[in-house]
N, C-alpha and C. Protein backbone atom coordinates (compact mmCIF):
# COMPACT_ATOMS: atom_id res chain seq x y z
N MET A 1 -77.46 80.70 163.41
CA MET A 1 -78.03 79.83 164.40
C MET A 1 -79.10 80.59 165.17
N THR A 2 -80.21 79.92 165.46
CA THR A 2 -81.27 80.52 166.25
C THR A 2 -81.16 80.03 167.69
N ALA A 3 -82.01 80.54 168.55
CA ALA A 3 -82.03 80.10 169.94
C ALA A 3 -82.41 78.63 170.04
N GLN A 4 -83.05 78.11 168.99
CA GLN A 4 -83.48 76.72 168.99
C GLN A 4 -82.49 75.79 168.31
N GLY A 5 -81.37 76.31 167.84
CA GLY A 5 -80.37 75.48 167.18
C GLY A 5 -80.01 76.02 165.82
N PRO A 6 -79.25 75.23 165.05
CA PRO A 6 -78.84 75.70 163.73
C PRO A 6 -80.03 75.87 162.80
N VAL A 7 -79.90 76.82 161.90
CA VAL A 7 -80.96 77.08 160.93
C VAL A 7 -80.87 76.04 159.83
N GLN A 8 -82.00 75.38 159.53
CA GLN A 8 -82.05 74.38 158.47
C GLN A 8 -82.14 75.08 157.13
N GLU A 9 -81.34 74.65 156.17
CA GLU A 9 -81.37 75.26 154.85
C GLU A 9 -82.73 75.07 154.19
N MET A 10 -83.11 76.04 153.38
CA MET A 10 -84.37 75.99 152.66
C MET A 10 -84.12 75.50 151.24
N ALA A 11 -84.94 74.58 150.78
CA ALA A 11 -84.87 74.10 149.40
C ALA A 11 -85.65 75.04 148.49
N CYS A 12 -85.31 75.03 147.21
CA CYS A 12 -85.99 75.89 146.24
C CYS A 12 -87.50 75.65 146.24
N ARG A 13 -87.90 74.41 146.31
CA ARG A 13 -89.33 74.08 146.30
C ARG A 13 -90.05 74.71 147.49
N GLU A 14 -89.42 74.68 148.66
CA GLU A 14 -90.03 75.29 149.85
C GLU A 14 -90.13 76.80 149.68
N LEU A 15 -89.11 77.41 149.10
CA LEU A 15 -89.14 78.85 148.86
C LEU A 15 -90.33 79.21 147.97
N VAL A 16 -90.54 78.46 146.92
CA VAL A 16 -91.66 78.72 146.00
C VAL A 16 -92.98 78.66 146.77
N GLU A 17 -93.10 77.71 147.69
CA GLU A 17 -94.34 77.57 148.47
C GLU A 17 -94.54 78.74 149.44
N LEU A 18 -93.45 79.37 149.88
CA LEU A 18 -93.53 80.42 150.90
C LEU A 18 -93.42 81.84 150.34
N VAL A 19 -93.22 82.00 149.04
CA VAL A 19 -92.93 83.32 148.48
C VAL A 19 -94.05 84.33 148.74
N THR A 20 -95.29 83.92 148.64
CA THR A 20 -96.40 84.85 148.88
C THR A 20 -96.39 85.34 150.32
N ASP A 21 -96.23 84.42 151.27
CA ASP A 21 -96.16 84.82 152.68
C ASP A 21 -94.98 85.74 152.93
N TYR A 22 -93.86 85.47 152.27
CA TYR A 22 -92.67 86.32 152.41
C TYR A 22 -92.97 87.74 151.94
N LEU A 23 -93.54 87.85 150.76
CA LEU A 23 -93.81 89.17 150.20
C LEU A 23 -94.88 89.93 150.97
N GLU A 24 -95.76 89.21 151.63
CA GLU A 24 -96.82 89.84 152.40
C GLU A 24 -96.45 89.99 153.88
N GLY A 25 -95.20 89.64 154.23
CA GLY A 25 -94.72 89.82 155.60
C GLY A 25 -95.35 88.90 156.61
N ARG A 26 -95.75 87.71 156.18
CA ARG A 26 -96.43 86.77 157.07
C ARG A 26 -95.56 85.61 157.52
N LEU A 27 -94.28 85.61 157.19
CA LEU A 27 -93.41 84.51 157.62
C LEU A 27 -92.94 84.72 159.04
N GLU A 28 -92.81 83.62 159.77
CA GLU A 28 -92.20 83.66 161.09
C GLU A 28 -90.74 84.07 160.92
N ALA A 29 -90.14 84.62 161.95
CA ALA A 29 -88.77 85.13 161.88
C ALA A 29 -87.78 84.06 161.42
N ALA A 30 -87.90 82.85 161.92
CA ALA A 30 -86.96 81.77 161.55
C ALA A 30 -87.09 81.43 160.07
N ASP A 31 -88.33 81.36 159.57
CA ASP A 31 -88.53 81.05 158.15
C ASP A 31 -88.05 82.20 157.27
N ARG A 32 -88.25 83.43 157.72
CA ARG A 32 -87.76 84.59 156.96
C ARG A 32 -86.23 84.57 156.88
N GLU A 33 -85.59 84.21 157.97
CA GLU A 33 -84.13 84.10 158.00
C GLU A 33 -83.65 83.04 157.01
N ARG A 34 -84.32 81.89 156.99
CA ARG A 34 -83.97 80.82 156.06
C ARG A 34 -84.22 81.26 154.61
N PHE A 35 -85.33 81.94 154.39
CA PHE A 35 -85.68 82.44 153.05
C PHE A 35 -84.60 83.41 152.57
N ASP A 36 -84.26 84.38 153.40
CA ASP A 36 -83.23 85.37 153.04
C ASP A 36 -81.89 84.72 152.76
N ALA A 37 -81.52 83.71 153.57
CA ALA A 37 -80.25 83.00 153.37
C ALA A 37 -80.27 82.27 152.03
N HIS A 38 -81.39 81.67 151.68
CA HIS A 38 -81.49 80.94 150.41
C HIS A 38 -81.37 81.91 149.24
N ILE A 39 -82.11 83.01 149.31
CA ILE A 39 -82.07 84.01 148.23
C ILE A 39 -80.64 84.53 148.02
N ALA A 40 -79.91 84.68 149.10
CA ALA A 40 -78.54 85.21 149.00
C ALA A 40 -77.62 84.30 148.18
N GLY A 41 -77.98 83.02 148.06
CA GLY A 41 -77.09 82.09 147.36
C GLY A 41 -77.70 81.38 146.16
N CYS A 42 -78.92 81.76 145.77
CA CYS A 42 -79.58 81.04 144.68
C CYS A 42 -80.09 82.03 143.64
N ASP A 43 -79.39 82.11 142.52
CA ASP A 43 -79.76 83.05 141.46
C ASP A 43 -81.15 82.75 140.88
N ALA A 44 -81.50 81.48 140.74
CA ALA A 44 -82.80 81.13 140.16
C ALA A 44 -83.93 81.60 141.07
N CYS A 45 -83.80 81.40 142.36
CA CYS A 45 -84.85 81.83 143.28
C CYS A 45 -84.88 83.35 143.43
N THR A 46 -83.72 83.98 143.30
CA THR A 46 -83.68 85.44 143.32
C THR A 46 -84.46 85.99 142.12
N ALA A 47 -84.29 85.38 140.95
CA ALA A 47 -85.03 85.79 139.75
C ALA A 47 -86.52 85.54 139.94
N TYR A 48 -86.88 84.40 140.51
CA TYR A 48 -88.29 84.06 140.76
C TYR A 48 -88.91 85.08 141.71
N LEU A 49 -88.20 85.43 142.77
CA LEU A 49 -88.69 86.42 143.72
C LEU A 49 -88.93 87.76 143.01
N GLY A 50 -88.03 88.14 142.13
CA GLY A 50 -88.20 89.38 141.37
C GLY A 50 -89.44 89.34 140.50
N GLN A 51 -89.69 88.20 139.87
CA GLN A 51 -90.88 88.04 139.03
C GLN A 51 -92.15 88.15 139.87
N MET A 52 -92.12 87.55 141.05
CA MET A 52 -93.29 87.59 141.92
C MET A 52 -93.52 89.01 142.45
N ARG A 53 -92.45 89.74 142.72
CA ARG A 53 -92.60 91.15 143.13
C ARG A 53 -93.24 91.97 142.02
N GLN A 54 -92.82 91.73 140.77
CA GLN A 54 -93.42 92.44 139.64
C GLN A 54 -94.90 92.10 139.50
N THR A 55 -95.24 90.84 139.69
CA THR A 55 -96.64 90.42 139.64
C THR A 55 -97.44 91.13 140.73
N LEU A 56 -96.91 91.17 141.92
CA LEU A 56 -97.59 91.83 143.03
C LEU A 56 -97.78 93.32 142.74
N THR A 57 -96.78 93.95 142.17
CA THR A 57 -96.87 95.37 141.83
C THR A 57 -97.92 95.60 140.74
N ALA A 58 -97.90 94.76 139.72
CA ALA A 58 -98.82 94.94 138.59
C ALA A 58 -100.27 94.63 138.95
N LEU A 59 -100.48 93.57 139.73
CA LEU A 59 -101.84 93.12 140.01
C LEU A 59 -102.36 93.54 141.38
N GLY A 60 -101.47 93.94 142.26
CA GLY A 60 -101.87 94.28 143.61
C GLY A 60 -102.04 93.07 144.50
N ARG A 61 -101.84 91.91 143.93
CA ARG A 61 -101.90 90.64 144.70
C ARG A 61 -101.20 89.56 143.87
N ILE A 62 -100.94 88.43 144.49
CA ILE A 62 -100.36 87.30 143.79
C ILE A 62 -101.46 86.24 143.63
N PRO A 63 -101.76 85.84 142.39
CA PRO A 63 -102.80 84.84 142.17
C PRO A 63 -102.51 83.54 142.91
N GLU A 64 -103.55 82.85 143.32
CA GLU A 64 -103.44 81.59 144.08
C GLU A 64 -102.61 80.54 143.36
N GLU A 65 -102.83 80.34 142.07
CA GLU A 65 -102.10 79.30 141.35
C GLU A 65 -100.73 79.77 141.13
């Protein structure tokens, strides 16, 4: 729970939209908390995050598309 109330769960689709901001440290604290909570319970998104980290390492950035 945040100071503003309970934390709303993040859907997989929202995580995909926010992954670049997450990896670049640009998420607000509340969104980062929701992102981390989702990753903790979703194997598919955990795998996707790993793939995006590899892309970032290999290319030095994540392509727009």
